[in-house]
Amino acid sequence: MRVYDDAVLLAFGLTLFAGLSTGIGSLIALLAKKTNTAFLSVSLGFSGGVMVYISFVEILTKSREILTAQLGIKMGPWCAVLAFFAGMLLIAIIDSLVPEFENPHEIRKVEEIENRKKKPDKERLLRMGLFSALAIAIHNFPEGLATFTAALNDPTLGIGVAIAVAIHNIPEGVAVSIPVYYATGSRKKAFLYSFLSGLSEPLGALLGIIALKYVMSELIFGLLFAAVAGIMIFISFDELLPASREYGGHHLSLYGLVAGMAVMAVSLLLFA
């Protein structure tokens, strides 16, 4: 029981780390003078590579194994595939609810803080920042559940997912803090809203803990694991890789993607 409690605590800690990295993005926006686009491009590509590799090679495979053992050789794989696409559908619905002009995944740079001082539109910018924070909070909830589930099943997987999600959250912190800082003139408020937007990820982990206590079974876990893979694949192709290409171009994005896959592949073999 003690070992199990330690596993839950580790999974929750990794999810907390991933969620609160929005604060790192906020600090970069508020303290840096210029956006390092090459670094962001490679980092986001790396994050996407980690998520894609883990999802297809480990998480979806393990889900099929669990569901096949529970439901049989015919029904198990079908349920894994359905749950995989259900995860994609869930995150797609969440994305569709975010107004496009206030989408937190729109590329933003540190330089915008200075550029926007020339033409004030404080009310719209504050609204944009607050909507971005709310959208990120909603969007990060299933990410938190995904990180927690992966970490609980396998700490090596969990560390990889947590790092990938943390990198993914840094530009989101920038997206929140830039408009809030300009609208209010307060670095504290900009950091606070960005920081709070990441708290929904540990809330997703708390949902996982509650589910473990009351409704979790091998069958539910197998379905959830497949849905987690779908969520991470959607995030990678819809957000991480396009953002990576916009920050630094096709080749830097690709180099980051391959590096993320390679690092994750080696780490899984070393700690298997």
Protein backbone atom coordinates (compact mmCIF):
# COMPACT_ATOMS: atom_id res chain seq x y z
CA MET A 1 0.00 0.00 0.00
CA ARG A 2 2.88 2.33 0.83
CA VAL A 3 4.46 1.67 -2.57
CA TYR A 4 1.14 2.41 -4.28
CA ASP A 5 0.75 5.68 -2.33
CA ASP A 6 4.27 6.67 -3.38
CA ALA A 7 3.38 5.99 -7.03
CA VAL A 8 0.28 8.20 -6.77
CA LEU A 9 2.33 10.95 -5.11
CA LEU A 10 4.99 10.78 -7.84
CA ALA A 11 2.34 10.89 -10.58
CA PHE A 12 0.67 13.89 -8.96
CA GLY A 13 4.02 15.67 -8.50
CA LEU A 14 4.92 15.23 -12.17
CA THR A 15 1.51 16.55 -13.20
CA LEU A 16 1.92 19.57 -10.93
CA PHE A 17 5.34 20.29 -12.44
CA ALA A 18 3.94 20.08 -15.98
CA GLY A 19 0.97 22.32 -15.23
CA LEU A 20 2.81 25.08 -13.41
CA SER A 21 5.37 25.45 -16.20
CA THR A 22 2.98 28.05 -17.65
CA GLY A 23 4.60 30.25 -15.00
CA ILE A 24 7.98 29.66 -16.70
CA GLY A 25 6.50 30.99 -19.94
CA SER A 26 5.22 34.03 -18.08
CA LEU A 27 8.64 34.74 -16.56
CA ILE A 28 10.25 34.47 -19.99
CA ALA A 29 7.76 36.96 -21.41
CA LEU A 30 8.16 39.42 -18.54
CA LEU A 31 11.94 39.25 -18.06
CA ALA A 32 13.44 38.44 -21.47
CA LYS A 33 14.12 41.15 -24.05
CA LYS A 34 13.78 38.95 -27.10
CA THR A 35 12.18 35.63 -28.00
CA ASN A 36 14.65 32.85 -28.79
CA THR A 37 12.63 31.44 -31.69
CA ALA A 38 15.16 28.74 -32.62
CA PHE A 39 15.15 27.36 -29.07
CA LEU A 40 11.35 27.38 -28.90
CA SER A 41 11.08 25.73 -32.31
CA VAL A 42 13.40 22.85 -31.39
CA SER A 43 11.84 22.51 -27.91
CA LEU A 44 8.28 22.32 -29.20
CA GLY A 45 9.34 19.85 -31.90
CA PHE A 46 11.10 17.80 -29.21
CA SER A 47 7.95 17.82 -27.09
CA GLY A 48 5.88 16.68 -30.05
CA GLY A 49 8.33 13.88 -30.80
CA VAL A 50 8.17 12.62 -27.21
CA MET A 51 4.36 12.63 -27.23
CA VAL A 52 3.99 10.96 -30.62
CA TYR A 53 6.52 8.21 -29.85
CA ILE A 54 5.14 7.47 -26.39
CA SER A 55 1.55 7.45 -27.61
CA PHE A 56 2.00 5.04 -30.50
CA VAL A 57 4.82 2.83 -29.20
CA GLU A 58 3.95 2.53 -25.51
CA ILE A 59 0.59 3.88 -24.38
CA LEU A 60 -1.68 2.64 -27.18
CA THR A 61 0.14 -0.71 -27.24
CA LYS A 62 -0.31 -1.20 -23.49
CA SER A 63 -3.96 -0.19 -23.76
CA ARG A 64 -4.56 -2.87 -26.40
CA GLU A 65 -2.83 -5.46 -24.21
CA ILE A 66 -4.97 -4.57 -21.18
CA LEU A 67 -8.23 -4.46 -23.12
CA THR A 68 -7.45 -7.68 -25.00
CA ALA A 69 -6.86 -9.44 -21.68
CA GLN A 70 -10.16 -8.06 -20.35
CA LEU A 71 -12.41 -8.30 -23.42
CA GLY A 72 -10.83 -10.88 -25.69
CA ILE A 73 -8.73 -10.87 -28.83
CA LYS A 74 -11.51 -9.49 -31.05
CA MET A 75 -13.27 -6.91 -28.88
CA GLY A 76 -10.18 -5.60 -27.02
CA PRO A 77 -8.36 -4.01 -29.99
CA TRP A 78 -11.61 -2.47 -31.27
CA CYS A 79 -12.28 -0.83 -27.90
CA ALA A 80 -8.72 0.48 -27.77
CA VAL A 81 -9.10 2.10 -31.20
CA LEU A 82 -12.50 3.60 -30.28
CA ALA A 83 -11.13 5.01 -27.02
CA PHE A 84 -8.10 6.41 -28.88
CA PHE A 85 -10.28 8.40 -31.27
CA ALA A 86 -12.63 9.35 -28.42
CA GLY A 87 -9.64 11.05 -26.76
CA MET A 88 -9.00 12.97 -29.96
CA LEU A 89 -12.66 13.96 -30.18
CA LEU A 90 -12.65 15.23 -26.59
CA ILE A 91 -9.70 17.57 -27.10
CA ALA A 92 -11.06 18.68 -30.50
CA ILE A 93 -14.37 19.68 -28.88
CA ILE A 94 -12.50 21.64 -26.21
CA ASP A 95 -10.49 23.43 -28.90
CA SER A 96 -13.63 24.27 -30.88
CA LEU A 97 -15.08 26.10 -27.87
CA VAL A 98 -12.18 28.60 -27.81
CA PRO A 99 -12.74 31.75 -29.95
CA GLU A 100 -10.15 31.71 -32.73
CA PHE A 101 -9.00 35.30 -32.25
CA GLU A 102 -8.32 34.62 -28.57
CA ASN A 103 -6.85 31.15 -28.97
CA PRO A 104 -3.93 30.74 -26.55
CA HIS A 105 -2.06 28.63 -29.09
CA GLU A 106 -1.60 31.59 -31.43
CA ILE A 107 2.12 32.33 -31.71
CA ARG A 108 3.21 35.25 -29.50
CA LYS A 109 6.63 36.75 -28.85
CA VAL A 110 8.19 38.69 -26.00
CA GLU A 111 8.72 41.67 -28.32
CA GLU A 112 4.95 42.17 -28.47
CA ILE A 113 5.03 43.74 -25.01
CA GLU A 114 7.00 46.67 -26.38
CA ASN A 115 5.27 46.80 -29.76
CA ARG A 116 1.79 47.00 -28.28
CA LYS A 117 2.63 49.95 -26.09
CA LYS A 118 2.45 52.10 -29.20
CA LYS A 119 -1.28 51.49 -29.74
CA PRO A 120 -3.21 50.92 -26.54
CA ASP A 121 -6.30 48.74 -26.58
CA LYS A 122 -6.30 47.73 -22.95
CA GLU A 123 -9.83 46.43 -22.66
CA ARG A 124 -9.50 44.03 -25.59
CA LEU A 125 -6.05 42.87 -24.50
CA LEU A 126 -7.21 42.17 -20.95
CA ARG A 127 -10.16 40.22 -22.33
CA MET A 128 -7.79 38.30 -24.59
CA GLY A 129 -5.50 37.47 -21.68
CA LEU A 130 -8.33 36.34 -19.41
CA PHE A 131 -9.95 34.26 -22.14
CA SER A 132 -6.57 32.71 -22.93
CA ALA A 133 -6.09 31.82 -19.26
CA LEU A 134 -9.58 30.26 -19.10
CA ALA A 135 -9.08 28.39 -22.37
CA ILE A 136 -5.73 27.04 -21.23
CA ALA A 137 -7.23 25.96 -17.90
CA ILE A 138 -10.00 24.03 -19.69
CA HIS A 139 -7.59 22.63 -22.24
CA ASN A 140 -5.03 21.55 -19.64
CA PHE A 141 -7.50 19.53 -17.57
CA PRO A 142 -7.39 16.43 -19.83
CA GLU A 143 -3.64 16.94 -20.22
CA GLY A 144 -3.31 16.66 -16.44
CA LEU A 145 -5.31 13.46 -16.44
CA ALA A 146 -3.13 12.14 -19.27
CA THR A 147 0.12 12.95 -17.46
CA PHE A 148 -1.12 11.45 -14.20
CA THR A 149 -2.35 8.25 -15.87
CA ALA A 150 0.90 7.75 -17.78
CA ALA A 151 3.03 8.38 -14.68
CA LEU A 152 0.98 6.03 -12.54
CA ASN A 153 1.31 3.21 -15.05
CA ASP A 154 5.03 3.71 -15.66
CA PRO A 155 7.23 6.39 -14.02
CA THR A 156 9.53 6.47 -17.06
CA LEU A 157 6.56 7.22 -19.31
CA GLY A 158 5.31 9.76 -16.79
CA ILE A 159 8.59 11.68 -16.71
CA GLY A 160 8.67 11.82 -20.51
CA VAL A 161 5.07 13.00 -20.76
CA ALA A 162 5.54 15.55 -17.96
CA ILE A 163 8.59 17.09 -19.65
CA ALA A 164 6.80 17.19 -23.01
CA VAL A 165 3.70 18.82 -21.50
CA ALA A 166 5.85 21.28 -19.53
CA ILE A 167 7.62 22.41 -22.73
CA HIS A 168 4.24 22.66 -24.43
CA ASN A 169 2.93 24.88 -21.62
CA ILE A 170 5.73 27.46 -21.81
CA PRO A 171 4.38 29.28 -24.92
CA GLU A 172 0.91 29.15 -23.35
CA GLY A 173 2.28 31.09 -20.38
CA VAL A 174 3.64 33.66 -22.82
CA ALA A 175 0.25 33.88 -24.56
CA VAL A 176 -1.50 34.73 -21.28
CA SER A 177 1.04 37.07 -19.73
CA ILE A 178 1.71 39.37 -22.71
CA PRO A 179 -1.84 40.77 -23.10
CA VAL A 180 -2.51 40.84 -19.33
CA TYR A 181 0.73 42.70 -18.62
CA TYR A 182 0.07 45.32 -21.27
CA ALA A 183 -3.59 45.78 -20.26
CA THR A 184 -2.89 46.14 -16.53
CA GLY A 185 0.74 47.27 -16.40
CA SER A 186 1.24 44.73 -13.61
CA ARG A 187 3.87 42.01 -13.88
CA LYS A 188 2.40 40.36 -10.79
CA LYS A 189 -1.06 40.04 -12.35
CA ALA A 190 0.39 38.77 -15.61
CA PHE A 191 2.38 36.10 -13.79
CA LEU A 192 -0.54 35.21 -11.48
CA TYR A 193 -3.05 34.62 -14.28
CA SER A 194 -0.50 32.61 -16.24
CA PHE A 195 0.41 30.58 -13.16
CA LEU A 196 -3.23 29.91 -12.23
CA SER A 197 -4.10 28.73 -15.74
CA GLY A 198 -1.76 25.79 -15.20
CA LEU A 199 -3.45 24.65 -12.00
CA SER A 200 -6.12 22.76 -13.95
CA GLU A 201 -3.54 20.07 -14.77
CA PRO A 202 -3.11 18.97 -11.14
CA LEU A 203 -6.92 19.19 -10.90
CA GLY A 204 -7.03 16.65 -13.73
CA ALA A 205 -4.69 14.50 -11.66
CA LEU A 206 -7.02 14.82 -8.67
CA LEU A 207 -9.84 13.52 -10.85
CA GLY A 208 -7.61 10.56 -11.64
CA ILE A 209 -7.01 9.93 -7.93
CA ILE A 210 -10.77 10.04 -7.23
CA ALA A 211 -11.42 7.70 -10.15
CA LEU A 212 -8.80 5.29 -8.83
CA LYS A 213 -10.51 5.22 -5.47
CA TYR A 214 -14.11 4.74 -6.58
CA VAL A 215 -14.50 3.53 -10.18
CA MET A 216 -11.14 2.45 -11.59
CA SER A 217 -10.77 -1.08 -12.88
CA GLU A 218 -8.48 -2.76 -15.41
CA LEU A 219 -11.12 -2.21 -18.09
CA ILE A 220 -11.57 1.49 -17.30
CA PHE A 221 -7.82 1.96 -17.07
CA GLY A 222 -7.30 0.36 -20.49
CA LEU A 223 -9.91 2.64 -22.07
CA LEU A 224 -8.48 5.70 -20.33
CA PHE A 225 -4.96 4.82 -21.45
CA ALA A 226 -6.06 4.66 -25.10
CA ALA A 227 -7.89 7.99 -24.75
CA VAL A 228 -4.72 9.52 -23.28
CA ALA A 229 -2.80 8.44 -26.39
CA GLY A 230 -5.44 10.09 -28.58
CA ILE A 231 -5.28 13.32 -26.58
CA MET A 232 -1.50 13.53 -26.87
CA ILE A 233 -1.44 12.73 -30.60
CA PHE A 234 -4.03 15.45 -31.26
CA ILE A 235 -2.07 18.00 -29.19
CA SER A 236 1.13 17.13 -31.05
CA PHE A 237 -0.25 17.52 -34.57
CA ASP A 238 -2.69 20.35 -33.88
CA GLU A 239 -0.52 22.55 -31.64
CA LEU A 240 3.08 21.54 -30.99
CA LEU A 241 4.35 20.80 -34.47
CA PRO A 242 2.60 23.72 -36.25
CA ALA A 243 3.83 26.10 -33.52
CA SER A 244 7.33 24.66 -33.80
CA ARG A 245 7.39 25.30 -37.55
CA GLU A 246 6.12 28.86 -37.16
CA TYR A 247 8.77 29.73 -34.59
CA GLY A 248 11.74 28.32 -36.46
CA GLY A 249 10.86 26.76 -39.77
CA HIS A 250 10.52 23.26 -41.15
CA HIS A 251 13.99 21.85 -40.45
CA LEU A 252 14.36 22.98 -36.83
CA SER A 253 10.93 21.55 -36.11
CA LEU A 254 11.87 18.24 -37.72
CA TYR A 255 15.20 18.05 -35.87
CA GLY A 256 13.41 18.61 -32.57
CA LEU A 257 10.79 15.99 -33.46
CA VAL A 258 13.40 13.32 -34.28
CA ALA A 259 15.45 14.19 -31.17
CA GLY A 260 12.36 13.84 -28.96
CA MET A 261 11.55 10.44 -30.43
CA ALA A 262 15.16 9.26 -30.11
CA VAL A 263 15.56 10.39 -26.49
CA MET A 264 12.28 8.75 -25.50
CA ALA A 265 13.11 5.53 -27.36
CA VAL A 266 16.51 5.24 -25.65
CA SER A 267 15.14 6.08 -22.21
CA LEU A 268 12.40 3.45 -22.51
CA LEU A 269 14.98 0.82 -23.49
CA LEU A 270 17.37 1.80 -20.70
CA PHE A 271 14.71 1.76 -17.98
CA ALA A 272 12.59 -1.11 -19.29
